[in-house]
Amino acid sequence: KKGKMMNCLGGVYLGSSMTIFGQVSQVSGATGGAASINSNRFSFCLGLKGPSMTIDTESSSSLSAVYCGCEGVQDKGRGQINTFSLSGGVAFQLGTIWWPQLQSAGLLSRSGRCQTFDASADGYMMGDGCGFVVLKRLTETVEGEQVFIKDQAEACGVVAASTMNSNGVNSAMNAPNGPSEQELVAEAVRHAGITGINVDAVEVNGQGAFMADAVEVDSL
């Protein structure tokens, strides 16, 4: 409930990319066009005093927000940690201002369909969506041992591990990098304490571009 969250050390990590509110010629354009306001509004309305940031890593913004949220609730010695993290992302196509740029860059599908991993794939289509998760610690350290925290709401799932990296020097800024993707997956598996054979499903980016799709499949 909102009353119980007031003044709580809750962190807000919001994945959000392109916005059109900066083009609104009204007083709301100044604040609505600033990416920082997207996350800060949650903290303001709910009275949360933890970190509050809007994250833009293009199509991975929501997952980046989840990664930061997981880091926020992890034990860090004597460092302050979040009571909980609110992580998620939002994308609403409220206007067409960005469509010409995306189309000229060859990112949007001319056929109007996402045909990832198909020979006829020519890009992707954009949709609307919004989703959030509440992240809390499952265990705490008591006398040097990890014990489960009692009196918590039933968890819908457990984040066994979260990792994040970048390509570094590459053939092009927007080109996929197979070795970097493999390193990321290997680190996530190692961090979770499992092996590749324990992984039942993988969700891919699926950009709908020949080279990007081929590199992604080959990396996995």
C-alpha atoms as a PDB file:
ATOM      1  CA  LYS A   1       0.000   0.000   0.000  1.00  0.00           C
ATOM      2  CA  LYS A   2       1.085   3.554  -0.685  1.00  0.00           C
ATOM      3  CA  GLY A   3       0.996   4.499   2.996  1.00  0.00           C
ATOM      4  CA  LYS A   4       3.452   1.742   3.913  1.00  0.00           C
ATOM      5  CA  MET A   5       5.852   2.776   1.150  1.00  0.00           C
ATOM      6  CA  MET A   6       6.033   6.429   2.185  1.00  0.00           C
ATOM      7  CA  ASN A   7       9.628   7.415   3.089  1.00  0.00           C
ATOM      8  CA  CYS A   8      10.760   3.852   2.371  1.00  0.00           C
ATOM      9  CA  LEU A   9      14.170   3.204   0.803  1.00  0.00           C
ATOM     10  CA  GLY A  10      12.676   1.918  -2.419  1.00  0.00           C
ATOM     11  CA  GLY A  11      14.568   2.306  -5.673  1.00  0.00           C
ATOM     12  CA  VAL A  12      12.942   3.073  -9.020  1.00  0.00           C
ATOM     13  CA  TYR A  13      14.677   1.901 -12.189  1.00  0.00           C
ATOM     14  CA  LEU A  14      12.716   2.699 -15.321  1.00  0.00           C
ATOM     15  CA  GLY A  15      13.678   1.640 -18.823  1.00  0.00           C
ATOM     16  CA  SER A  16      12.501   4.235 -21.302  1.00  0.00           C
ATOM     17  CA  SER A  17      13.875   5.321 -24.643  1.00  0.00           C
ATOM     18  CA  MET A  18      12.398   7.774 -27.130  1.00  0.00           C
ATOM     19  CA  THR A  19       9.897  10.383 -25.940  1.00  0.00           C
ATOM     20  CA  ILE A  20       7.814  12.922 -27.839  1.00  0.00           C
ATOM     21  CA  PHE A  21       6.803  15.097 -24.898  1.00  0.00           C
ATOM     22  CA  GLY A  22       9.784  17.350 -25.514  1.00  0.00           C
ATOM     23  CA  GLN A  23       8.003  18.525 -28.671  1.00  0.00           C
ATOM     24  CA  VAL A  24       4.927  19.696 -26.760  1.00  0.00           C
ATOM     25  CA  SER A  25       4.849  23.501 -26.761  1.00  0.00           C
ATOM     26  CA  GLN A  26       3.355  23.736 -23.276  1.00  0.00           C
ATOM     27  CA  VAL A  27       4.708  23.892 -19.757  1.00  0.00           C
ATOM     28  CA  SER A  28       4.501  20.082 -19.562  1.00  0.00           C
ATOM     29  CA  GLY A  29       6.949  19.815 -22.455  1.00  0.00           C
ATOM     30  CA  ALA A  30       9.865  20.996 -20.302  1.00  0.00           C
ATOM     31  CA  THR A  31       9.421  18.330 -17.643  1.00  0.00           C
ATOM     32  CA  GLY A  32       7.684  15.638 -19.671  1.00  0.00           C
ATOM     33  CA  GLY A  33      10.446  15.737 -22.253  1.00  0.00           C
ATOM     34  CA  ALA A  34      13.136  15.043 -19.660  1.00  0.00           C
ATOM     35  CA  ALA A  35      13.832  11.325 -19.289  1.00  0.00           C
ATOM     36  CA  SER A  36      14.686  11.744 -15.607  1.00  0.00           C
ATOM     37  CA  ILE A  37      11.108  12.796 -14.844  1.00  0.00           C
ATOM     38  CA  ASN A  38       9.769   9.410 -15.940  1.00  0.00           C
ATOM     39  CA  SER A  39      11.298   7.628 -12.955  1.00  0.00           C
ATOM     40  CA  ASN A  40      11.278  10.580 -10.574  1.00  0.00           C
ATOM     41  CA  ARG A  41       7.506  10.866 -10.864  1.00  0.00           C
ATOM     42  CA  PHE A  42       7.131   7.370  -9.386  1.00  0.00           C
ATOM     43  CA  SER A  43       9.393   8.264  -6.470  1.00  0.00           C
ATOM     44  CA  PHE A  44       7.545  11.539  -5.918  1.00  0.00           C
ATOM     45  CA  CYS A  45       4.033  10.080  -6.007  1.00  0.00           C
ATOM     46  CA  LEU A  46       4.891   7.062  -3.841  1.00  0.00           C
ATOM     47  CA  GLY A  47       7.223   8.909  -1.456  1.00  0.00           C
ATOM     48  CA  LEU A  48      10.181   6.634  -2.146  1.00  0.00           C
ATOM     49  CA  LYS A  49      13.631   7.783  -1.035  1.00  0.00           C
ATOM     50  CA  GLY A  50      15.838   5.252  -2.791  1.00  0.00           C
ATOM     51  CA  PRO A  51      17.691   5.729  -6.087  1.00  0.00           C
ATOM     52  CA  SER A  52      15.523   6.917  -8.959  1.00  0.00           C
ATOM     53  CA  MET A  53      16.784   6.768 -12.523  1.00  0.00           C
ATOM     54  CA  THR A  54      15.601   6.416 -16.093  1.00  0.00           C
ATOM     55  CA  ILE A  55      17.719   4.056 -18.165  1.00  0.00           C
ATOM     56  CA  ASP A  56      18.039   4.138 -21.945  1.00  0.00           C
ATOM     57  CA  THR A  57      19.889   1.236 -23.542  1.00  0.00           C
ATOM     58  CA  GLU A  58      17.576   1.105 -26.564  1.00  0.00           C
ATOM     59  CA  SER A  59      15.787  -2.239 -26.894  1.00  0.00           C
ATOM     60  CA  SER A  60      17.363  -3.612 -23.697  1.00  0.00           C
ATOM     61  CA  SER A  61      16.258  -0.729 -21.453  1.00  0.00           C
ATOM     62  CA  SER A  62      13.781  -2.797 -19.424  1.00  0.00           C
ATOM     63  CA  LEU A  63      16.277  -5.596 -18.794  1.00  0.00           C
ATOM     64  CA  SER A  64      18.910  -3.020 -17.851  1.00  0.00           C
ATOM     65  CA  ALA A  65      16.447  -1.621 -15.321  1.00  0.00           C
ATOM     66  CA  VAL A  66      15.948  -5.094 -13.848  1.00  0.00           C
ATOM     67  CA  TYR A  67      19.725  -5.556 -13.642  1.00  0.00           C
ATOM     68  CA  CYS A  68      20.129  -2.263 -11.766  1.00  0.00           C
ATOM     69  CA  GLY A  69      17.220  -3.178  -9.503  1.00  0.00           C
ATOM     70  CA  CYS A  70      18.858  -6.494  -8.625  1.00  0.00           C
ATOM     71  CA  GLU A  71      22.119  -4.719  -7.849  1.00  0.00           C
ATOM     72  CA  GLY A  72      20.229  -2.285  -5.635  1.00  0.00           C
ATOM     73  CA  VAL A  73      18.966  -4.980  -3.250  1.00  0.00           C
ATOM     74  CA  GLN A  74      22.218  -6.947  -3.036  1.00  0.00           C
ATOM     75  CA  ASP A  75      24.263  -6.944   0.173  1.00  0.00           C
ATOM     76  CA  LYS A  76      27.260  -4.630  -0.144  1.00  0.00           C
ATOM     77  CA  GLY A  77      29.027  -4.965   3.173  1.00  0.00           C
ATOM     78  CA  ARG A  78      28.244  -1.845   5.161  1.00  0.00           C
ATOM     79  CA  GLY A  79      26.767  -0.043   2.178  1.00  0.00           C
ATOM     80  CA  GLN A  80      23.135   1.000   2.153  1.00  0.00           C
ATOM     81  CA  ILE A  81      20.822  -1.214   0.115  1.00  0.00           C
ATOM     82  CA  ASN A  82      17.263  -0.817  -1.109  1.00  0.00           C
ATOM     83  CA  THR A  83      14.364  -2.240   0.847  1.00  0.00           C
ATOM     84  CA  PHE A  84      12.985  -3.108  -2.575  1.00  0.00           C
ATOM     85  CA  SER A  85      13.462  -2.130  -6.199  1.00  0.00           C
ATOM     86  CA  LEU A  86      10.731  -1.223  -8.665  1.00  0.00           C
ATOM     87  CA  SER A  87      12.103  -2.113 -12.094  1.00  0.00           C
ATOM     88  CA  GLY A  88      10.476  -2.124 -15.484  1.00  0.00           C
ATOM     89  CA  GLY A  89       9.964  -0.350 -18.748  1.00  0.00           C
ATOM     90  CA  VAL A  90       7.433   1.607 -20.741  1.00  0.00           C
ATOM     91  CA  ALA A  91       7.072   2.282 -24.460  1.00  0.00           C
ATOM     92  CA  PHE A  92       4.079   4.050 -25.983  1.00  0.00           C
ATOM     93  CA  GLN A  93       3.949   5.247 -29.579  1.00  0.00           C
ATOM     94  CA  LEU A  94       1.926   8.412 -29.015  1.00  0.00           C
ATOM     95  CA  GLY A  95       3.167  10.046 -32.194  1.00  0.00           C
ATOM     96  CA  THR A  96       5.090   9.427 -35.393  1.00  0.00           C
ATOM     97  CA  ILE A  97       7.926  11.902 -34.869  1.00  0.00           C
ATOM     98  CA  TRP A  98      10.600   9.188 -34.663  1.00  0.00           C
ATOM     99  CA  TRP A  99       9.324   7.002 -37.485  1.00  0.00           C
ATOM    100  CA  PRO A 100      11.087   8.822 -40.369  1.00  0.00           C
ATOM    101  CA  GLN A 101      14.469   8.545 -38.619  1.00  0.00           C
ATOM    102  CA  LEU A 102      13.992   4.859 -37.821  1.00  0.00           C
ATOM    103  CA  GLN A 103      12.812   4.129 -41.346  1.00  0.00           C
ATOM    104  CA  SER A 104      15.719   5.981 -42.948  1.00  0.00           C
ATOM    105  CA  ALA A 105      18.106   3.962 -40.768  1.00  0.00           C
ATOM    106  CA  GLY A 106      16.590   0.769 -42.165  1.00  0.00           C
ATOM    107  CA  LEU A 107      15.297  -0.441 -38.797  1.00  0.00           C
ATOM    108  CA  LEU A 108      11.535  -0.521 -39.417  1.00  0.00           C
ATOM    109  CA  SER A 109      10.024  -3.252 -41.554  1.00  0.00           C
ATOM    110  CA  ARG A 110       8.691  -2.095 -44.912  1.00  0.00           C
ATOM    111  CA  SER A 111       6.271  -5.007 -44.976  1.00  0.00           C
ATOM    112  CA  GLY A 112       4.852  -4.033 -41.595  1.00  0.00           C
ATOM    113  CA  ARG A 113       5.662  -7.397 -39.987  1.00  0.00           C
ATOM    114  CA  CYS A 114       8.382  -8.759 -37.722  1.00  0.00           C
ATOM    115  CA  GLN A 115       9.743 -11.838 -39.474  1.00  0.00           C
ATOM    116  CA  THR A 116      12.706 -12.591 -37.269  1.00  0.00           C
ATOM    117  CA  PHE A 117      14.939 -15.494 -38.379  1.00  0.00           C
ATOM    118  CA  ASP A 118      13.170 -15.579 -41.747  1.00  0.00           C
ATOM    119  CA  ALA A 119      14.945 -14.982 -45.057  1.00  0.00           C
ATOM    120  CA  SER A 120      12.421 -12.235 -45.875  1.00  0.00           C
ATOM    121  CA  ALA A 121      12.948 -10.322 -42.615  1.00  0.00           C
ATOM    122  CA  ASP A 122      13.448  -6.603 -43.261  1.00  0.00           C
ATOM    123  CA  GLY A 123      13.232  -5.028 -39.814  1.00  0.00           C
ATOM    124  CA  TYR A 124      10.875  -4.798 -36.876  1.00  0.00           C
ATOM    125  CA  MET A 125       7.640  -3.046 -35.944  1.00  0.00           C
ATOM    126  CA  MET A 126       7.152  -1.038 -32.785  1.00  0.00           C
ATOM    127  CA  GLY A 127       4.392  -1.664 -30.284  1.00  0.00           C
ATOM    128  CA  ASP A 128       3.107  -0.335 -26.976  1.00  0.00           C
ATOM    129  CA  GLY A 129       3.860  -1.950 -23.655  1.00  0.00           C
ATOM    130  CA  CYS A 130       4.426  -1.379 -19.968  1.00  0.00           C
ATOM    131  CA  GLY A 131       5.587  -3.812 -17.317  1.00  0.00           C
ATOM    132  CA  PHE A 132       7.188  -3.750 -13.885  1.00  0.00           C
ATOM    133  CA  VAL A 133       8.506  -6.134 -11.261  1.00  0.00           C
ATOM    134  CA  VAL A 134       9.125  -5.606  -7.563  1.00  0.00           C
ATOM    135  CA  LEU A 135      12.503  -6.994  -6.536  1.00  0.00           C
ATOM    136  CA  LYS A 136      13.342  -7.870  -2.930  1.00  0.00           C
ATOM    137  CA  ARG A 137      16.006  -9.915  -1.227  1.00  0.00           C
ATOM    138  CA  LEU A 138      15.120 -13.551  -0.738  1.00  0.00           C
ATOM    139  CA  THR A 139      17.750 -14.138   1.939  1.00  0.00           C
ATOM    140  CA  GLU A 140      19.710 -12.151   4.489  1.00  0.00           C
ATOM    141  CA  THR A 141      22.971 -12.719   6.328  1.00  0.00           C
ATOM    142  CA  VAL A 142      22.566 -13.820   9.951  1.00  0.00           C
ATOM    143  CA  GLU A 143      25.729 -14.673  11.898  1.00  0.00           C
ATOM    144  CA  GLY A 144      27.625 -15.233   8.681  1.00  0.00           C
ATOM    145  CA  GLU A 145      25.023 -17.520   7.120  1.00  0.00           C
ATOM    146  CA  GLN A 146      22.343 -16.920   4.498  1.00  0.00           C
ATOM    147  CA  VAL A 147      18.802 -17.489   5.801  1.00  0.00           C
ATOM    148  CA  PHE A 148      15.464 -16.945   4.102  1.00  0.00           C
ATOM    149  CA  ILE A 149      13.652 -13.751   5.062  1.00  0.00           C
ATOM    150  CA  LYS A 150      10.339 -14.517   6.751  1.00  0.00           C
ATOM    151  CA  ASP A 151       6.997 -12.721   6.471  1.00  0.00           C
ATOM    152  CA  GLN A 152       7.355 -11.803   2.804  1.00  0.00           C
ATOM    153  CA  ALA A 153       4.721 -11.887   0.106  1.00  0.00           C
ATOM    154  CA  GLU A 154       4.783 -14.965  -2.093  1.00  0.00           C
ATOM    155  CA  ALA A 155       7.372 -14.544  -4.839  1.00  0.00           C
ATOM    156  CA  CYS A 156       6.356 -14.995  -8.471  1.00  0.00           C
ATOM    157  CA  GLY A 157       9.887 -15.982  -9.402  1.00  0.00           C
ATOM    158  CA  VAL A 158      13.564 -15.784  -8.491  1.00  0.00           C
ATOM    159  CA  VAL A 159      16.295 -13.944 -10.373  1.00  0.00           C
ATOM    160  CA  ALA A 160      19.131 -16.443 -10.104  1.00  0.00           C
ATOM    161  CA  ALA A 161      21.668 -14.132 -11.730  1.00  0.00           C
ATOM    162  CA  SER A 162      21.888 -10.901 -13.684  1.00  0.00           C
ATOM    163  CA  THR A 163      24.769  -9.697 -15.828  1.00  0.00           C
ATOM    164  CA  MET A 164      25.409  -6.868 -18.243  1.00  0.00           C
ATOM    165  CA  ASN A 165      28.169  -5.937 -20.677  1.00  0.00           C
ATOM    166  CA  SER A 166      28.903  -3.991 -23.862  1.00  0.00           C
ATOM    167  CA  ASN A 167      30.701  -4.742 -27.114  1.00  0.00           C
ATOM    168  CA  GLY A 168      33.629  -2.386 -26.705  1.00  0.00           C
ATOM    169  CA  VAL A 169      35.493  -1.842 -29.991  1.00  0.00           C
ATOM    170  CA  ASN A 170      33.463  -3.328 -32.830  1.00  0.00           C
ATOM    171  CA  SER A 171      33.180  -3.187 -36.615  1.00  0.00           C
ATOM    172  CA  ALA A 172      30.384  -0.624 -36.203  1.00  0.00           C
ATOM    173  CA  MET A 173      28.527   0.895 -33.270  1.00  0.00           C
ATOM    174  CA  ASN A 174      25.262  -0.827 -34.189  1.00  0.00           C
ATOM    175  CA  ALA A 175      26.795  -4.146 -35.271  1.00  0.00           C
ATOM    176  CA  PRO A 176      26.190  -7.211 -33.052  1.00  0.00           C
ATOM    177  CA  ASN A 177      29.193  -8.858 -31.443  1.00  0.00           C
ATOM    178  CA  GLY A 178      29.018 -12.636 -31.079  1.00  0.00           C
ATOM    179  CA  PRO A 179      31.900 -13.098 -28.612  1.00  0.00           C
ATOM    180  CA  SER A 180      30.497 -10.415 -26.297  1.00  0.00           C
ATOM    181  CA  GLU A 181      27.080 -12.075 -26.315  1.00  0.00           C
ATOM    182  CA  GLN A 182      28.662 -15.438 -25.528  1.00  0.00           C
ATOM    183  CA  GLU A 183      30.693 -13.936 -22.683  1.00  0.00           C
ATOM    184  CA  LEU A 184      27.534 -12.422 -21.208  1.00  0.00           C
ATOM    185  CA  VAL A 185      25.591 -15.688 -21.325  1.00  0.00           C
ATOM    186  CA  ALA A 186      28.525 -17.635 -19.885  1.00  0.00           C
ATOM    187  CA  GLU A 187      28.882 -15.170 -17.017  1.00  0.00           C
ATOM    188  CA  ALA A 188      25.150 -15.332 -16.223  1.00  0.00           C
ATOM    189  CA  VAL A 189      25.254 -19.134 -16.149  1.00  0.00           C
ATOM    190  CA  ARG A 190      28.370 -19.107 -13.955  1.00  0.00           C
ATOM    191  CA  HIS A 191      26.904 -16.507 -11.602  1.00  0.00           C
ATOM    192  CA  ALA A 192      23.718 -18.573 -11.207  1.00  0.00           C
ATOM    193  CA  GLY A 193      25.741 -21.665 -10.316  1.00  0.00           C
ATOM    194  CA  ILE A 194      24.261 -23.764 -13.110  1.00  0.00           C
ATOM    195  CA  THR A 195      25.391 -25.139 -16.459  1.00  0.00           C
ATOM    196  CA  GLY A 196      24.094 -24.541 -19.962  1.00  0.00           C
ATOM    197  CA  ILE A 197      22.200 -27.835 -19.869  1.00  0.00           C
ATOM    198  CA  ASN A 198      20.015 -26.432 -17.063  1.00  0.00           C
ATOM    199  CA  VAL A 199      18.714 -23.609 -19.284  1.00  0.00           C
ATOM    200  CA  ASP A 200      15.257 -24.510 -20.588  1.00  0.00           C
ATOM    201  CA  ALA A 201      14.447 -21.409 -22.656  1.00  0.00           C
ATOM    202  CA  VAL A 202      16.111 -18.306 -24.050  1.00  0.00           C
ATOM    203  CA  GLU A 203      14.413 -15.081 -25.112  1.00  0.00           C
ATOM    204  CA  VAL A 204      16.241 -13.387 -27.959  1.00  0.00           C
ATOM    205  CA  ASN A 205      16.334  -9.800 -29.189  1.00  0.00           C
ATOM    206  CA  GLY A 206      15.060 -10.734 -32.647  1.00  0.00           C
ATOM    207  CA  GLN A 207      15.823  -7.493 -34.465  1.00  0.00           C
ATOM    208  CA  GLY A 208      14.608  -8.800 -37.796  1.00  0.00           C
ATOM    209  CA  ALA A 209      17.897  -7.994 -39.538  1.00  0.00           C
ATOM    210  CA  PHE A 210      19.869 -10.669 -41.369  1.00  0.00           C
ATOM    211  CA  MET A 211      23.256 -10.068 -39.735  1.00  0.00           C
ATOM    212  CA  ALA A 212      21.928  -9.376 -36.235  1.00  0.00           C
ATOM    213  CA  ASP A 213      19.675 -12.444 -36.243  1.00  0.00           C
ATOM    214  CA  ALA A 214      22.440 -14.683 -37.605  1.00  0.00           C
ATOM    215  CA  VAL A 215      24.972 -13.534 -35.002  1.00  0.00           C
ATOM    216  CA  GLU A 216      22.461 -13.988 -32.191  1.00  0.00           C
ATOM    217  CA  VAL A 217      21.575 -17.546 -33.189  1.00  0.00           C
ATOM    218  CA  ASP A 218      25.210 -18.472 -33.761  1.00  0.00           C
ATOM    219  CA  SER A 219      26.187 -17.063 -30.358  1.00  0.00           C
ATOM    220  CA  LEU A 220      23.615 -19.180 -28.570  1.00  0.00           C
END
